[in-house]
Amino acid sequence: MNSTEEFPVAEIRNSPAPRQWGGMIVSRLWWVTLLCLVGAVGLVIQQLRSPGLVIEVRFAAGHGLEPGDAVRYRGIDVGEVTRVELDAELAGVSVWIELTPASAALAREGARFWIQRPDIRVGQIRGLETLVGGRYVGVVPGPADAAPSRLFYGLDVALAPVDQIAEGLEIVLEANERHGLQSGSTVSYRGVVVGHILAVGLSNDAVTVEARAFIQPKYRQLIRENSRFWNSSGLGLSIGLGGIELDAETLATIASGGVAFATPGNLGRPAATGHRFELYDAPQGQWLAWQPRVALGSSALPPGVPLPSPLLGVRRPTTGAQALFGTGSQRAWMLPLVGGQLLAPASMLAGPETYVLEMTGSEFDLPWENVITSGSLALVVLPEVACAAVTNYWPRERLRVADGPEAVVVTCGSDERTMPLPAQRLSVVEEGWEVAASVPVDDAWHGACVLSAQDGAVIGVLVRSENRAVIALLTRELLESK
């Protein structure tokens, strides 16, 4: 053996005990947890500091607007003013606004901005909250399909309250005089307010006065190309053999002006946005006698689709303790159909002989004969007395069977009692489609008509029972019955 051969030398290290290994693992886990926490805090701070969409709005005057003032839509803050400066020509004011990320969709072509400030007139008070809370910028978005924009031109005066401005109708009224019209003046049909004046000013050649009027979506079908408009403000005084006749509108109309209109029975083409009408000083006698039949629908339905006119009925007992104490009554809406039939919840038409049905100002003994039932719905022939009192029947060709949950419109016959429901709020159950419990539907909606939002056909009836709201669907058995 070679004496110079080297032998390997062992390196001896102390191995950590099991307790020491556990401490090392716990220590490293704490570091990982701390790093994750720091990362999460950083993401939250970045989200909170993420800038919203910055747009520029040019106004003729600033009206005391300052950086930090709010931008509001539908009563909530959607952004704030970041900078206010005179423009380069010193002819106006440029206002830079930062919208919140969730409100960036407001910045699209057609959006309208104005500086809300106190506006106190006879018959009209607006912006009173700015006396305490300061001025703010109001906004109404443009059409939903409009292109995004970063530059806007603000209105000189506050925009009169407008809902669904893109679905409504804007027309122009031309007159020789202003007739006291101003922003916010009413536009009425048979005494019912259907719109208002947006702005009043001289035409480009200063020959006439132009008033831009907005008509609410549900009433736009009333405006036809042969409609006639006249000034309805002021007092009318006539003296004749029969005495003195005084024709006066409300104080607000007399003070702030107003417009009325009429449409003849031979309906012309529906007026389009921007159509110009002459504004007369007073109506002609024949205009006041016009009584056209115009199908008024809801803004949630396709244009030109009318709302049904269901009848309100009350089923009540006539004998026993319930009749004595006035309990046990049930109310519901019922839809008269062309051909003299009545579509209603089955519970309204069934029952022993101790019940009566109050409808169209008359009482009818229950039960009725030849009642056709299908699930929670019933169809019956109306008595002759009830038929004589009904003026609006729903055509049977506007009834259909639904295939599956779809967007619907629930209505009791008036726009105030009309509610759109998306398909996401409906779930299939054995009785039909159950309405989500979060939807505010009480017993006053029992029997309401359910229309398809796609074509406006009646596809069912809303039935309230056991604190549930279910859409009872029409069946082929009901539709084929005569």
Protein backbone atom coordinates (compact mmCIF):
# COMPACT_ATOMS: atom_id res chain seq x y z
CA MET A 1 0.00 0.00 0.00
CA ASN A 2 1.31 3.42 -0.92
CA SER A 3 1.96 5.41 2.21
CA THR A 4 1.15 8.64 0.38
CA GLU A 5 -2.45 7.55 -0.41
CA GLU A 6 -4.97 9.92 1.18
CA PHE A 7 -8.00 8.62 2.89
CA PRO A 8 -11.37 10.51 2.65
CA VAL A 9 -12.19 12.66 5.58
CA ALA A 10 -15.76 12.60 6.83
CA GLU A 11 -17.50 15.92 7.46
CA ILE A 12 -19.69 15.65 10.47
CA ARG A 13 -22.68 18.03 10.77
CA ASN A 14 -25.26 18.28 13.45
CA SER A 15 -28.75 17.30 12.15
CA PRO A 16 -31.62 19.45 13.45
CA ALA A 17 -33.85 17.78 15.89
CA PRO A 18 -37.55 17.26 14.89
CA ARG A 19 -38.54 20.23 17.05
CA GLN A 20 -36.02 22.43 15.21
CA TRP A 21 -37.40 21.32 11.80
CA GLY A 22 -40.90 22.32 12.88
CA GLY A 23 -39.73 25.78 13.93
CA MET A 24 -38.00 26.36 10.58
CA ILE A 25 -41.13 25.36 8.62
CA VAL A 26 -43.39 27.60 10.72
CA SER A 27 -40.98 30.51 10.31
CA ARG A 28 -40.98 30.19 6.51
CA LEU A 29 -44.77 29.90 6.39
CA TRP A 30 -45.05 33.20 8.28
CA TRP A 31 -42.84 34.87 5.70
CA VAL A 32 -45.02 33.51 2.86
CA THR A 33 -48.16 34.70 4.66
CA LEU A 34 -46.64 38.14 5.19
CA LEU A 35 -45.68 38.43 1.52
CA CYS A 36 -49.22 37.44 0.46
CA LEU A 37 -50.68 40.04 2.83
CA VAL A 38 -48.42 42.76 1.47
CA GLY A 39 -49.37 41.80 -2.08
CA ALA A 40 -53.11 41.92 -1.26
CA VAL A 41 -52.80 45.34 0.38
CA GLY A 42 -50.92 46.58 -2.67
CA LEU A 43 -53.67 45.38 -5.01
CA VAL A 44 -56.35 47.09 -2.89
CA ILE A 45 -54.42 50.37 -2.85
CA GLN A 46 -53.87 50.16 -6.58
CA GLN A 47 -57.60 49.54 -7.15
CA LEU A 48 -58.57 52.46 -4.92
CA ARG A 49 -56.11 54.76 -6.63
CA SER A 50 -56.89 53.60 -10.17
CA PRO A 51 -57.96 56.68 -12.10
CA GLY A 52 -61.37 56.78 -13.69
CA LEU A 53 -62.18 58.10 -17.13
CA VAL A 54 -61.28 61.79 -17.56
CA ILE A 55 -63.47 63.82 -19.92
CA GLU A 56 -63.72 67.50 -20.83
CA VAL A 57 -66.99 69.43 -20.80
CA ARG A 58 -67.12 72.98 -22.16
CA PHE A 59 -69.62 75.44 -20.68
CA ALA A 60 -70.42 79.04 -21.51
CA ALA A 61 -69.98 79.96 -17.82
CA GLY A 62 -68.73 78.21 -14.70
CA HIS A 63 -71.45 79.42 -12.29
CA GLY A 64 -69.10 79.01 -9.32
CA LEU A 65 -68.11 75.42 -10.09
CA GLU A 66 -64.93 74.32 -8.29
CA PRO A 67 -62.60 71.30 -8.27
CA GLY A 68 -63.98 68.65 -5.99
CA ASP A 69 -67.63 69.35 -6.85
CA ALA A 70 -69.66 66.22 -7.54
CA VAL A 71 -70.99 64.84 -10.79
CA ARG A 72 -74.37 63.17 -10.31
CA TYR A 73 -76.67 60.90 -12.25
CA ARG A 74 -80.00 59.72 -10.85
CA GLY A 75 -79.14 61.28 -7.50
CA ILE A 76 -75.83 59.49 -6.87
CA ASP A 77 -72.25 60.62 -7.31
CA VAL A 78 -70.63 59.20 -10.45
CA GLY A 79 -67.51 61.35 -10.52
CA GLU A 80 -66.05 64.69 -9.53
CA VAL A 81 -64.69 67.88 -11.05
CA THR A 82 -60.88 67.85 -11.13
CA ARG A 83 -60.09 71.11 -12.93
CA VAL A 84 -61.90 74.29 -14.04
CA GLU A 85 -60.21 76.74 -16.42
CA LEU A 86 -61.01 79.41 -18.96
CA ASP A 87 -60.58 78.24 -22.53
CA ALA A 88 -57.83 79.62 -24.75
CA GLU A 89 -60.14 82.24 -26.37
CA LEU A 90 -61.53 83.37 -22.99
CA ALA A 91 -64.99 82.72 -24.41
CA GLY A 92 -66.02 79.86 -22.16
CA VAL A 93 -65.04 77.47 -19.39
CA SER A 94 -63.48 74.04 -19.73
CA VAL A 95 -64.30 71.59 -16.97
CA TRP A 96 -62.38 68.35 -16.58
CA ILE A 97 -64.35 65.55 -14.93
CA GLU A 98 -63.11 62.21 -13.65
CA LEU A 99 -65.83 59.59 -13.79
CA THR A 100 -65.65 56.54 -11.57
CA PRO A 101 -64.67 53.31 -13.37
CA ALA A 102 -68.20 51.96 -12.89
CA SER A 103 -69.69 55.09 -14.51
CA ALA A 104 -67.42 55.30 -17.56
CA ALA A 105 -70.32 54.22 -19.80
CA LEU A 106 -71.93 57.63 -19.24
CA ALA A 107 -69.30 59.19 -21.51
CA ARG A 108 -70.85 58.47 -24.88
CA GLU A 109 -72.02 60.67 -27.70
CA GLY A 110 -75.32 62.39 -26.98
CA ALA A 111 -74.68 62.70 -23.24
CA ARG A 112 -75.85 65.99 -21.76
CA PHE A 113 -74.13 67.88 -18.97
CA TRP A 114 -75.26 70.96 -17.07
CA ILE A 115 -74.34 72.82 -13.90
CA GLN A 116 -77.09 72.38 -11.34
CA ARG A 117 -77.75 75.56 -9.41
CA PRO A 118 -80.78 77.10 -7.64
CA ASP A 119 -83.67 77.84 -10.02
CA ILE A 120 -86.69 79.36 -8.32
CA ARG A 121 -89.63 80.48 -10.43
CA VAL A 122 -93.38 80.66 -10.07
CA GLY A 123 -94.68 77.11 -10.31
CA GLN A 124 -91.22 75.58 -10.42
CA ILE A 125 -88.39 75.11 -7.91
CA ARG A 126 -85.30 73.13 -8.87
CA GLY A 127 -81.79 72.74 -7.53
CA LEU A 128 -82.80 73.83 -4.05
CA GLU A 129 -80.36 71.33 -2.53
CA THR A 130 -77.45 73.31 -4.02
CA LEU A 131 -78.13 76.13 -1.55
CA VAL A 132 -76.72 73.88 1.18
CA GLY A 133 -74.65 71.21 -0.55
CA GLY A 134 -73.07 73.32 -3.25
CA ARG A 135 -73.29 73.14 -7.02
CA TYR A 136 -72.75 69.96 -8.98
CA VAL A 137 -72.68 68.77 -12.56
CA GLY A 138 -75.71 66.82 -13.71
CA VAL A 139 -75.53 64.30 -16.53
CA VAL A 140 -77.91 62.28 -18.68
CA PRO A 141 -76.28 59.60 -20.86
CA GLY A 142 -76.75 59.38 -24.59
CA PRO A 143 -78.20 56.41 -26.50
CA ALA A 144 -76.96 53.01 -25.37
CA ASP A 145 -75.47 52.23 -28.78
CA ALA A 146 -73.66 55.58 -29.13
CA ALA A 147 -69.90 55.72 -29.53
CA PRO A 148 -67.68 56.70 -26.57
CA SER A 149 -66.49 60.31 -26.39
CA ARG A 150 -64.11 62.40 -24.28
CA LEU A 151 -65.29 65.92 -25.28
CA PHE A 152 -68.76 67.34 -24.59
CA TYR A 153 -70.50 70.72 -24.72
CA GLY A 154 -72.60 71.47 -21.67
CA LEU A 155 -76.05 73.04 -21.56
CA ASP A 156 -76.49 76.63 -20.45
CA VAL A 157 -79.47 75.81 -18.25
CA ALA A 158 -80.34 72.79 -16.16
CA LEU A 159 -81.98 70.05 -18.17
CA ALA A 160 -85.58 69.44 -17.22
CA PRO A 161 -85.96 65.99 -15.62
CA VAL A 162 -85.98 63.42 -18.42
CA ASP A 163 -86.19 59.65 -18.09
CA GLN A 164 -85.34 57.41 -21.04
CA ILE A 165 -84.48 60.39 -23.20
CA ALA A 166 -83.17 58.17 -25.98
CA GLU A 167 -86.50 56.30 -26.25
CA GLY A 168 -88.64 59.44 -26.16
CA LEU A 169 -89.49 61.85 -28.97
CA GLU A 170 -88.00 65.32 -29.46
CA ILE A 171 -89.87 67.73 -31.70
CA VAL A 172 -89.57 71.43 -32.52
CA LEU A 173 -92.44 73.90 -32.07
CA GLU A 174 -92.29 77.15 -34.08
CA ALA A 175 -94.17 80.29 -33.07
CA ASN A 176 -94.12 84.05 -33.67
CA GLU A 177 -93.94 84.75 -29.93
CA ARG A 178 -92.53 82.97 -26.93
CA HIS A 179 -95.93 82.75 -25.19
CA GLY A 180 -94.19 82.51 -21.82
CA LEU A 181 -92.64 79.12 -22.60
CA GLN A 182 -89.48 78.15 -20.78
CA SER A 183 -87.49 75.06 -19.92
CA GLY A 184 -89.77 72.79 -17.93
CA SER A 185 -93.08 74.06 -19.35
CA THR A 186 -95.53 71.22 -19.75
CA VAL A 187 -96.84 69.56 -22.91
CA SER A 188 -100.28 68.07 -22.30
CA TYR A 189 -102.86 65.96 -24.10
CA ARG A 190 -106.44 66.25 -22.83
CA GLY A 191 -105.07 67.76 -19.63
CA VAL A 192 -102.59 64.91 -19.01
CA VAL A 193 -98.93 65.90 -18.99
CA VAL A 194 -97.11 63.83 -21.61
CA GLY A 195 -93.89 65.81 -21.93
CA HIS A 196 -92.22 69.16 -21.37
CA ILE A 197 -90.18 71.86 -23.03
CA LEU A 198 -86.42 71.35 -23.03
CA ALA A 199 -85.26 74.74 -24.33
CA VAL A 200 -86.63 77.90 -25.94
CA GLY A 201 -84.74 80.29 -28.23
CA LEU A 202 -84.75 82.21 -31.48
CA SER A 203 -84.28 80.45 -34.79
CA ASN A 204 -81.02 80.95 -36.68
CA ASP A 205 -82.53 83.75 -38.77
CA ALA A 206 -84.31 85.32 -35.75
CA VAL A 207 -87.66 85.14 -37.58
CA THR A 208 -89.41 82.68 -35.26
CA VAL A 209 -89.17 81.32 -31.74
CA GLU A 210 -88.26 77.65 -31.52
CA ALA A 211 -89.13 75.43 -28.57
CA ARG A 212 -87.68 71.94 -28.31
CA ALA A 213 -90.21 69.61 -26.71
CA PHE A 214 -89.63 66.14 -25.26
CA ILE A 215 -92.46 63.59 -25.31
CA GLN A 216 -92.28 60.63 -22.94
CA PRO A 217 -91.79 57.23 -24.63
CA LYS A 218 -95.18 55.85 -23.64
CA TYR A 219 -96.97 58.81 -25.30
CA ARG A 220 -94.94 59.25 -28.47
CA GLN A 221 -97.56 57.37 -30.52
CA LEU A 222 -99.94 60.29 -29.90
CA ILE A 223 -97.74 62.62 -31.94
CA ARG A 224 -98.57 62.34 -35.63
CA GLU A 225 -97.50 64.48 -38.55
CA ASN A 226 -101.02 65.98 -38.68
CA SER A 227 -101.18 66.78 -34.94
CA ARG A 228 -101.92 70.38 -33.94
CA PHE A 229 -100.22 72.28 -31.09
CA TRP A 230 -101.34 75.48 -29.39
CA ASN A 231 -100.48 77.70 -26.46
CA SER A 232 -102.39 76.64 -23.35
CA SER A 233 -101.10 79.25 -20.90
CA GLY A 234 -102.93 82.34 -19.79
CA LEU A 235 -106.57 83.16 -19.17
CA GLY A 236 -109.46 83.02 -21.60
CA LEU A 237 -112.43 85.34 -21.04
CA SER A 238 -115.58 85.38 -23.14
CA ILE A 239 -118.79 87.33 -22.59
CA GLY A 240 -122.05 86.23 -24.19
CA LEU A 241 -125.77 85.91 -23.64
CA GLY A 242 -125.13 82.98 -21.32
CA GLY A 243 -122.92 85.07 -19.08
CA ILE A 244 -119.17 85.27 -18.54
CA GLU A 245 -117.00 82.23 -19.20
CA LEU A 246 -113.51 82.07 -17.73
CA ASP A 247 -111.06 79.49 -19.06
CA ALA A 248 -107.97 79.22 -16.87
CA GLU A 249 -105.20 76.68 -16.58
CA THR A 250 -103.30 75.91 -13.36
CA LEU A 251 -101.22 78.62 -11.70
CA ALA A 252 -98.01 76.86 -12.76
CA THR A 253 -99.12 76.79 -16.41
CA ILE A 254 -100.20 80.42 -16.34
CA ALA A 255 -96.85 81.46 -14.86
CA SER A 256 -94.44 79.23 -16.76
CA GLY A 257 -96.37 78.59 -19.96
CA GLY A 258 -97.66 75.38 -21.44
CA VAL A 259 -98.48 73.63 -24.69
CA ALA A 260 -101.43 71.42 -25.56
CA PHE A 261 -102.05 69.36 -28.68
CA ALA A 262 -104.66 67.24 -30.42
CA THR A 263 -104.53 64.52 -33.06
CA PRO A 264 -107.31 63.87 -35.64
CA GLY A 265 -109.10 60.57 -36.10
CA ASN A 266 -107.47 59.96 -39.47
CA LEU A 267 -104.08 59.27 -37.94
CA GLY A 268 -101.14 60.48 -39.95
CA ARG A 269 -97.70 58.95 -39.93
CA PRO A 270 -95.96 58.88 -36.54
CA ALA A 271 -93.76 61.93 -36.10
CA ALA A 272 -90.01 61.36 -36.13
CA THR A 273 -87.39 63.07 -34.00
CA GLY A 274 -86.84 66.65 -35.12
CA HIS A 275 -90.23 67.06 -36.82
CA ARG A 276 -91.37 70.69 -36.84
CA PHE A 277 -94.86 71.82 -35.87
CA GLU A 278 -96.45 75.23 -35.89
CA LEU A 279 -97.50 76.47 -32.47
CA TYR A 280 -100.86 78.26 -32.69
CA ASP A 281 -102.12 80.93 -30.33
CA ALA A 282 -105.37 79.07 -29.63
CA PRO A 283 -107.08 75.84 -30.72
CA GLN A 284 -109.80 75.60 -33.32
CA GLY A 285 -113.10 74.15 -32.21
CA GLN A 286 -112.79 71.00 -34.29
CA TRP A 287 -109.41 70.20 -32.74
CA LEU A 288 -111.00 69.91 -29.30
CA ALA A 289 -113.57 67.46 -30.69
CA TRP A 290 -110.98 65.05 -32.06
CA GLN A 291 -111.05 61.68 -30.26
CA PRO A 292 -108.68 59.28 -32.03
CA ARG A 293 -108.05 55.77 -30.76
CA VAL A 294 -104.31 55.39 -30.31
CA ALA A 295 -102.76 52.28 -28.83
CA LEU A 296 -100.58 53.43 -25.95
CA GLY A 297 -97.94 50.95 -24.92
CA SER A 298 -95.10 50.82 -22.46
CA SER A 299 -91.51 51.84 -23.03
CA ALA A 300 -90.58 48.25 -22.12
CA LEU A 301 -92.52 46.90 -25.12
CA PRO A 302 -91.76 47.22 -28.83
CA PRO A 303 -92.97 50.49 -30.43
CA GLY A 304 -96.66 50.47 -31.31
CA VAL A 305 -97.53 47.52 -29.06
CA PRO A 306 -100.52 48.46 -26.86
CA LEU A 307 -101.09 47.60 -23.25
CA PRO A 308 -104.08 45.36 -22.45
CA SER A 309 -106.95 46.74 -20.40
CA PRO A 310 -107.80 44.13 -17.75
CA LEU A 311 -110.86 44.50 -15.54
CA LEU A 312 -110.66 44.57 -11.76
CA GLY A 313 -112.91 42.05 -10.06
CA VAL A 314 -113.62 41.20 -6.43
CA ARG A 315 -114.82 37.77 -5.33
CA ARG A 316 -116.55 37.95 -1.95
CA PRO A 317 -118.73 35.73 0.23
CA THR A 318 -122.39 36.64 0.75
CA THR A 319 -123.26 34.43 3.72
CA GLY A 320 -121.64 33.10 6.85
CA ALA A 321 -119.12 34.58 9.23
CA GLN A 322 -116.84 35.82 6.44
CA ALA A 323 -119.62 37.93 4.95
CA LEU A 324 -120.56 39.18 8.42
CA PHE A 325 -117.07 40.33 9.30
CA GLY A 326 -116.09 41.39 5.78
CA THR A 327 -113.34 38.80 5.33
CA GLY A 328 -112.62 36.17 2.72
CA SER A 329 -112.67 38.52 -0.26
CA GLN A 330 -110.21 38.19 -3.12
CA ARG A 331 -109.40 40.71 -5.83
CA ALA A 332 -107.75 40.08 -9.19
CA TRP A 333 -107.34 41.48 -12.68
CA MET A 334 -109.17 39.71 -15.50
CA LEU A 335 -108.63 40.16 -19.22
CA PRO A 336 -111.64 40.39 -21.60
CA LEU A 337 -110.98 38.80 -24.98
CA VAL A 338 -112.50 39.44 -28.38
CA GLY A 339 -115.44 37.08 -28.70
CA GLY A 340 -116.82 37.85 -25.23
CA GLN A 341 -114.57 35.59 -23.14
CA LEU A 342 -112.79 36.38 -19.89
CA LEU A 343 -109.30 35.15 -18.94
CA ALA A 344 -108.72 35.12 -15.18
CA PRO A 345 -107.13 33.20 -12.31
CA ALA A 346 -109.17 30.05 -11.76
CA SER A 347 -109.65 30.90 -8.07
CA MET A 348 -111.74 33.95 -9.04
CA LEU A 349 -114.33 32.02 -11.06
CA ALA A 350 -114.59 28.92 -8.90
CA GLY A 351 -116.38 28.57 -5.61
CA PRO A 352 -119.69 27.64 -4.04
CA GLU A 353 -122.95 29.50 -4.59
CA THR A 354 -122.31 31.61 -1.51
CA TYR A 355 -119.86 33.80 -3.46
CA VAL A 356 -120.45 36.63 -5.91
CA LEU A 357 -118.13 38.35 -8.34
CA GLU A 358 -118.20 42.14 -8.48
CA MET A 359 -117.10 43.43 -11.88
CA THR A 360 -117.97 46.27 -14.30
CA GLY A 361 -120.27 47.79 -11.67
CA SER A 362 -122.44 44.67 -11.34
CA GLU A 363 -122.62 41.54 -9.21
CA PHE A 364 -122.64 38.03 -10.69
CA ASP A 365 -123.47 34.87 -8.78
CA LEU A 366 -120.83 32.15 -8.74
CA PRO A 367 -120.10 29.63 -10.00
CA TRP A 368 -120.41 30.43 -13.72
CA GLU A 369 -121.25 27.73 -16.19
CA ASN A 370 -118.94 26.37 -18.88
CA VAL A 371 -115.74 27.44 -17.17
CA ILE A 372 -112.68 26.02 -18.89
CA THR A 373 -109.73 25.59 -16.54
CA SER A 374 -106.11 24.78 -17.23
CA GLY A 375 -103.82 24.81 -14.22
CA SER A 376 -104.26 28.10 -12.38
CA LEU A 377 -106.06 29.80 -15.28
CA ALA A 378 -109.69 29.80 -16.34
CA LEU A 379 -111.62 30.94 -19.39
CA VAL A 380 -115.34 31.72 -19.37
CA VAL A 381 -117.95 33.45 -21.53
CA LEU A 382 -118.87 36.89 -20.17
CA PRO A 383 -122.50 37.62 -19.27
CA GLU A 384 -124.27 40.05 -21.59
CA VAL A 385 -124.40 42.71 -18.87
CA ALA A 386 -120.63 42.61 -18.48
CA CYS A 387 -120.06 42.61 -22.26
CA ALA A 388 -122.08 45.80 -22.57
CA ALA A 389 -119.82 47.53 -20.03
CA VAL A 390 -116.51 46.45 -21.61
CA THR A 391 -115.04 48.87 -24.16
CA ASN A 392 -111.63 47.34 -24.86
CA TYR A 393 -111.19 43.67 -25.74
CA TRP A 394 -107.83 42.00 -26.27
CA PRO A 395 -107.53 40.21 -29.65
CA ARG A 396 -107.07 36.46 -29.49
CA GLU A 397 -104.40 36.57 -32.18
CA ARG A 398 -102.22 38.39 -29.66
CA LEU A 399 -102.23 35.36 -27.34
CA ARG A 400 -99.58 32.68 -27.65
CA VAL A 401 -97.89 29.80 -25.83
CA ALA A 402 -94.39 30.43 -24.50
CA ASP A 403 -91.63 27.88 -25.01
CA GLY A 404 -89.33 28.80 -22.14
CA PRO A 405 -88.48 31.63 -19.74
CA GLU A 406 -88.07 34.93 -21.58
CA ALA A 407 -88.07 38.62 -20.76
CA VAL A 408 -91.62 39.72 -19.95
CA VAL A 409 -93.64 42.78 -19.03
CA VAL A 410 -96.20 42.47 -16.23
CA THR A 411 -99.00 45.02 -16.37
CA CYS A 412 -102.31 45.87 -14.74
CA GLY A 413 -103.27 48.13 -17.64
CA SER A 414 -101.54 51.38 -16.76
CA ASP A 415 -97.95 52.45 -17.15
CA GLU A 416 -97.76 53.15 -13.42
CA ARG A 417 -98.64 49.50 -12.82
CA THR A 418 -96.29 48.03 -15.41
CA MET A 419 -93.04 46.26 -14.56
CA PRO A 420 -90.46 44.62 -16.83
CA LEU A 421 -88.95 41.34 -15.66
CA PRO A 422 -85.79 39.83 -17.19
CA ALA A 423 -85.66 36.10 -17.81
CA GLN A 424 -83.01 35.80 -15.08
CA ARG A 425 -85.68 36.60 -12.46
CA LEU A 426 -87.85 33.68 -13.56
CA SER A 427 -87.40 30.01 -12.70
CA VAL A 428 -89.33 27.05 -14.09
CA VAL A 429 -91.67 25.34 -11.60
CA GLU A 430 -94.56 22.93 -12.01
CA GLU A 431 -97.15 25.74 -12.03
CA GLY A 432 -95.27 27.87 -14.59
CA TRP A 433 -92.49 30.40 -13.99
CA GLU A 434 -91.87 31.51 -10.43
CA VAL A 435 -90.87 35.13 -9.92
CA ALA A 436 -87.82 35.69 -7.72
CA ALA A 437 -88.69 36.63 -4.15
CA SER A 438 -86.61 39.81 -4.46
CA VAL A 439 -89.10 41.27 -6.98
CA PRO A 440 -91.63 43.52 -5.20
CA VAL A 441 -94.88 41.85 -6.31
CA ASP A 442 -97.73 42.01 -3.80
CA ASP A 443 -101.37 40.88 -3.92
CA ALA A 444 -102.34 43.99 -5.89
CA TRP A 445 -100.66 42.37 -8.93
CA HIS A 446 -102.79 39.21 -8.72
CA GLY A 447 -104.19 38.47 -12.17
CA ALA A 448 -101.93 40.96 -13.97
CA CYS A 449 -101.32 40.26 -17.65
CA VAL A 450 -97.89 38.95 -18.64
CA LEU A 451 -96.66 40.03 -22.07
CA SER A 452 -93.62 38.93 -24.00
CA ALA A 453 -91.12 41.79 -24.19
CA GLN A 454 -90.16 40.55 -27.65
CA ASP A 455 -93.48 40.74 -29.50
CA GLY A 456 -96.00 42.08 -26.95
CA ALA A 457 -98.21 38.96 -27.00
CA VAL A 458 -99.96 37.89 -23.78
CA ILE A 459 -98.37 34.61 -22.70
CA GLY A 460 -99.70 34.22 -19.16
CA VAL A 461 -101.19 35.68 -15.99
CA LEU A 462 -99.47 36.52 -12.72
CA VAL A 463 -100.95 34.47 -9.88
CA ARG A 464 -100.25 35.28 -6.23
CA SER A 465 -100.70 32.47 -3.71
CA GLU A 466 -99.02 31.47 -0.46
CA ASN A 467 -96.65 34.46 -0.59
CA ARG A 468 -95.41 33.36 -4.00
CA ALA A 469 -95.75 34.98 -7.41
CA VAL A 470 -96.01 32.54 -10.30
CA ILE A 471 -96.65 33.28 -13.96
CA ALA A 472 -99.36 30.82 -15.01
CA LEU A 473 -98.74 30.22 -18.71
CA LEU A 474 -101.34 29.98 -21.44
CA THR A 475 -101.87 26.50 -22.84
CA ARG A 476 -103.04 25.28 -26.23
CA GLU A 477 -106.16 23.93 -24.53
CA LEU A 478 -107.18 27.45 -23.53
CA LEU A 479 -106.22 29.03 -26.83
CA GLU A 480 -108.18 26.49 -28.87
CA SER A 481 -111.33 26.75 -26.75
CA LYS A 482 -114.23 28.80 -28.10
